[in-house]
N, C-alpha and C. Protein backbone atom coordinates (compact mmCIF):
# COMPACT_ATOMS: atom_id res chain seq x y z
N MET A 1 4.87 -29.35 -37.27
CA MET A 1 3.86 -28.29 -37.39
C MET A 1 4.35 -27.38 -38.48
N LYS A 2 3.46 -27.21 -39.37
CA LYS A 2 3.70 -26.37 -40.55
C LYS A 2 2.74 -25.25 -40.67
N LEU A 3 3.25 -23.85 -40.63
CA LEU A 3 2.38 -22.81 -40.67
C LEU A 3 2.59 -22.03 -41.98
N ASP A 4 1.64 -21.67 -42.65
CA ASP A 4 1.86 -20.83 -43.93
C ASP A 4 1.83 -19.41 -43.53
N ILE A 5 2.24 -18.67 -44.47
CA ILE A 5 2.28 -17.05 -44.19
C ILE A 5 0.93 -16.41 -43.84
N LYS A 6 -0.10 -16.94 -44.35
CA LYS A 6 -1.35 -16.41 -44.13
C LYS A 6 -1.75 -16.53 -42.71
N THR A 7 -1.50 -17.63 -42.10
CA THR A 7 -1.80 -18.09 -40.71
C THR A 7 -0.99 -17.10 -39.83
N LEU A 8 0.35 -16.94 -40.11
CA LEU A 8 1.28 -16.22 -39.38
C LEU A 8 0.73 -14.67 -39.32
N VAL A 9 0.31 -14.14 -40.50
CA VAL A 9 -0.10 -12.78 -40.63
C VAL A 9 -1.40 -12.74 -39.74
N MET A 10 -2.32 -13.65 -39.85
CA MET A 10 -3.57 -13.61 -39.16
C MET A 10 -3.35 -13.58 -37.64
N LEU A 11 -2.41 -14.57 -37.14
CA LEU A 11 -2.09 -14.52 -35.70
C LEU A 11 -1.32 -13.21 -35.42
N GLY A 12 -0.49 -12.72 -36.15
CA GLY A 12 0.19 -11.44 -35.76
C GLY A 12 -0.82 -10.37 -35.68
N GLY A 13 -1.71 -10.31 -36.63
CA GLY A 13 -2.73 -9.22 -36.67
C GLY A 13 -3.64 -9.32 -35.43
N LEU A 14 -4.06 -10.51 -35.10
CA LEU A 14 -4.84 -10.70 -33.75
C LEU A 14 -4.09 -10.25 -32.56
N ALA A 15 -2.72 -10.50 -32.53
CA ALA A 15 -1.97 -10.26 -31.32
C ALA A 15 -1.81 -8.72 -31.31
N VAL A 16 -1.66 -8.04 -32.39
CA VAL A 16 -1.53 -6.60 -32.40
C VAL A 16 -2.85 -5.97 -32.03
N ALA A 17 -4.04 -6.50 -32.45
CA ALA A 17 -5.18 -5.81 -32.24
C ALA A 17 -5.62 -6.06 -30.70
N PHE A 18 -5.28 -7.20 -30.06
CA PHE A 18 -5.62 -7.41 -28.71
C PHE A 18 -4.64 -6.61 -27.89
N GLY A 19 -3.39 -6.51 -28.28
CA GLY A 19 -2.42 -5.68 -27.49
C GLY A 19 -2.91 -4.10 -27.66
N GLY A 20 -3.30 -3.64 -28.82
CA GLY A 20 -3.71 -2.34 -28.84
C GLY A 20 -4.99 -2.13 -27.94
N PHE A 21 -5.84 -3.00 -27.97
CA PHE A 21 -7.06 -2.87 -27.15
C PHE A 21 -6.70 -2.79 -25.65
N TYR A 22 -5.70 -3.73 -25.27
CA TYR A 22 -5.51 -3.71 -23.82
C TYR A 22 -4.85 -2.43 -23.40
N TYR A 23 -3.76 -2.03 -24.11
CA TYR A 23 -3.04 -0.75 -23.75
C TYR A 23 -3.78 0.53 -23.95
N GLY A 24 -4.82 0.58 -24.91
CA GLY A 24 -5.67 1.72 -25.04
C GLY A 24 -6.69 1.73 -23.92
N THR A 25 -7.13 0.59 -23.54
CA THR A 25 -8.18 0.57 -22.35
C THR A 25 -7.34 0.97 -21.11
N GLN A 26 -6.06 0.45 -20.91
CA GLN A 26 -5.33 0.81 -19.72
C GLN A 26 -5.09 2.29 -19.71
N LEU A 27 -4.73 2.86 -20.76
CA LEU A 27 -4.43 4.32 -20.87
C LEU A 27 -5.66 5.04 -20.42
N ARG A 28 -6.85 4.74 -21.05
CA ARG A 28 -8.05 5.45 -20.71
C ARG A 28 -8.44 5.25 -19.18
N LEU A 29 -8.24 4.01 -18.62
CA LEU A 29 -8.51 3.92 -17.13
C LEU A 29 -7.59 4.70 -16.31
N ASP A 30 -6.19 4.69 -16.74
CA ASP A 30 -5.37 5.49 -15.91
C ASP A 30 -5.71 7.09 -15.89
N TYR A 31 -6.14 7.48 -17.07
CA TYR A 31 -6.69 8.92 -17.18
C TYR A 31 -7.82 9.18 -16.40
N LEU A 32 -8.90 8.30 -16.37
CA LEU A 32 -9.99 8.37 -15.54
C LEU A 32 -9.74 8.42 -14.16
N GLU A 33 -8.82 7.53 -13.74
CA GLU A 33 -8.40 7.45 -12.37
C GLU A 33 -7.78 8.82 -11.76
N SER A 34 -7.00 9.36 -12.64
CA SER A 34 -6.33 10.70 -12.26
C SER A 34 -7.36 11.76 -12.23
N SER A 35 -8.39 11.69 -13.18
CA SER A 35 -9.36 12.73 -13.17
C SER A 35 -10.16 12.62 -11.91
N ILE A 36 -10.58 11.43 -11.53
CA ILE A 36 -11.31 11.20 -10.37
C ILE A 36 -10.53 11.63 -9.04
N GLN A 37 -9.22 11.43 -8.92
CA GLN A 37 -8.38 11.97 -7.92
C GLN A 37 -8.42 13.40 -7.96
N ASP A 38 -8.38 14.11 -8.96
CA ASP A 38 -8.34 15.58 -9.02
C ASP A 38 -9.70 16.00 -8.50
N VAL A 39 -10.77 15.35 -8.95
CA VAL A 39 -12.10 15.77 -8.39
C VAL A 39 -12.21 15.60 -6.96
N GLN A 40 -11.67 14.52 -6.40
CA GLN A 40 -11.71 14.17 -4.91
C GLN A 40 -10.96 15.33 -4.21
N ASN A 41 -9.85 15.66 -4.83
CA ASN A 41 -9.02 16.72 -4.01
C ASN A 41 -9.72 17.99 -4.17
N ASP A 42 -10.41 18.28 -5.13
CA ASP A 42 -11.05 19.65 -5.25
C ASP A 42 -12.25 19.58 -4.31
N SER A 43 -12.84 18.50 -4.19
CA SER A 43 -14.05 18.23 -3.23
C SER A 43 -13.58 18.50 -1.80
N ASN A 44 -12.49 17.92 -1.47
CA ASN A 44 -11.91 17.98 -0.05
C ASN A 44 -11.53 19.50 0.13
N ASP A 45 -10.82 20.09 -0.85
CA ASP A 45 -10.66 21.55 -0.59
C ASP A 45 -11.86 22.45 -0.40
N CYS A 46 -12.95 22.09 -1.19
CA CYS A 46 -14.24 22.79 -1.06
C CYS A 46 -14.81 22.55 0.43
N SER A 47 -14.79 21.34 0.78
CA SER A 47 -15.36 20.90 2.10
C SER A 47 -14.60 21.69 3.21
N ALA A 48 -13.35 21.68 3.15
CA ALA A 48 -12.48 22.60 4.13
C ALA A 48 -12.82 23.98 4.05
N ARG A 49 -13.08 24.50 2.91
CA ARG A 49 -13.31 25.94 2.77
C ARG A 49 -14.83 26.23 3.39
N ILE A 50 -15.82 25.29 3.10
CA ILE A 50 -17.15 25.40 3.62
C ILE A 50 -17.15 25.35 5.03
N GLY A 51 -16.22 24.45 5.74
CA GLY A 51 -16.13 24.32 7.14
C GLY A 51 -15.66 25.67 7.70
N SER A 52 -14.76 26.28 7.10
CA SER A 52 -14.17 27.60 7.60
C SER A 52 -15.15 28.73 7.47
N LEU A 53 -16.01 28.71 6.42
CA LEU A 53 -16.96 29.77 6.19
C LEU A 53 -18.04 29.56 7.19
N LYS A 54 -18.37 28.37 7.61
CA LYS A 54 -19.50 28.17 8.55
C LYS A 54 -19.06 28.66 9.91
N LYS A 55 -17.80 28.55 10.32
CA LYS A 55 -17.19 29.05 11.55
C LYS A 55 -17.26 30.49 11.54
N GLN A 56 -16.90 31.12 10.39
CA GLN A 56 -16.81 32.52 10.30
C GLN A 56 -18.30 33.13 10.52
N VAL A 57 -19.30 32.44 9.82
CA VAL A 57 -20.73 32.89 9.85
C VAL A 57 -21.16 32.72 11.36
N GLN A 58 -20.77 31.66 12.04
CA GLN A 58 -21.29 31.55 13.39
C GLN A 58 -20.61 32.66 14.35
N ARG A 59 -19.27 32.98 13.99
CA ARG A 59 -18.73 34.05 14.82
C ARG A 59 -19.36 35.42 14.51
N LEU A 60 -19.70 35.77 13.35
CA LEU A 60 -20.36 36.93 12.99
C LEU A 60 -21.81 37.00 13.52
N SER A 61 -22.48 35.90 13.59
CA SER A 61 -23.79 35.71 14.14
C SER A 61 -23.79 36.05 15.59
N LYS A 62 -22.80 35.48 16.25
CA LYS A 62 -22.67 35.72 17.76
C LYS A 62 -22.36 37.32 17.94
N LYS A 63 -21.50 37.85 17.14
CA LYS A 63 -21.26 39.30 17.21
C LYS A 63 -22.58 40.13 17.00
N ILE A 64 -23.11 39.76 16.01
CA ILE A 64 -24.45 40.49 15.72
C ILE A 64 -25.56 40.42 16.86
N SER A 65 -25.68 39.12 17.36
CA SER A 65 -26.57 39.04 18.48
C SER A 65 -26.21 39.78 19.83
N LYS A 66 -24.78 39.88 19.98
CA LYS A 66 -24.37 40.63 21.25
C LYS A 66 -24.63 42.09 21.06
N LYS A 67 -24.52 42.64 19.78
CA LYS A 67 -24.68 43.90 19.50
C LYS A 67 -26.30 44.33 19.53
N GLU A 68 -27.12 43.40 19.33
CA GLU A 68 -28.45 43.64 19.14
C GLU A 68 -28.98 43.61 20.71
N GLU A 69 -28.48 42.99 21.74
CA GLU A 69 -28.77 43.13 23.05
C GLU A 69 -28.55 44.31 23.72
């Protein structure tokens, strides 16, 4: 099996291009996954905060209704 230099350069170039595509795509996917995780954490924090605010509003509403009686 005899390969000339042009074929080797072409195969090497294809390998580098596919490798760059793979690692570039993997890097972007990892970044997106971490961004999604951050958004989910922020969403959970907001949900917890909303829950505590609802409880606080309910307590204040009860206090107001007691004072109105």
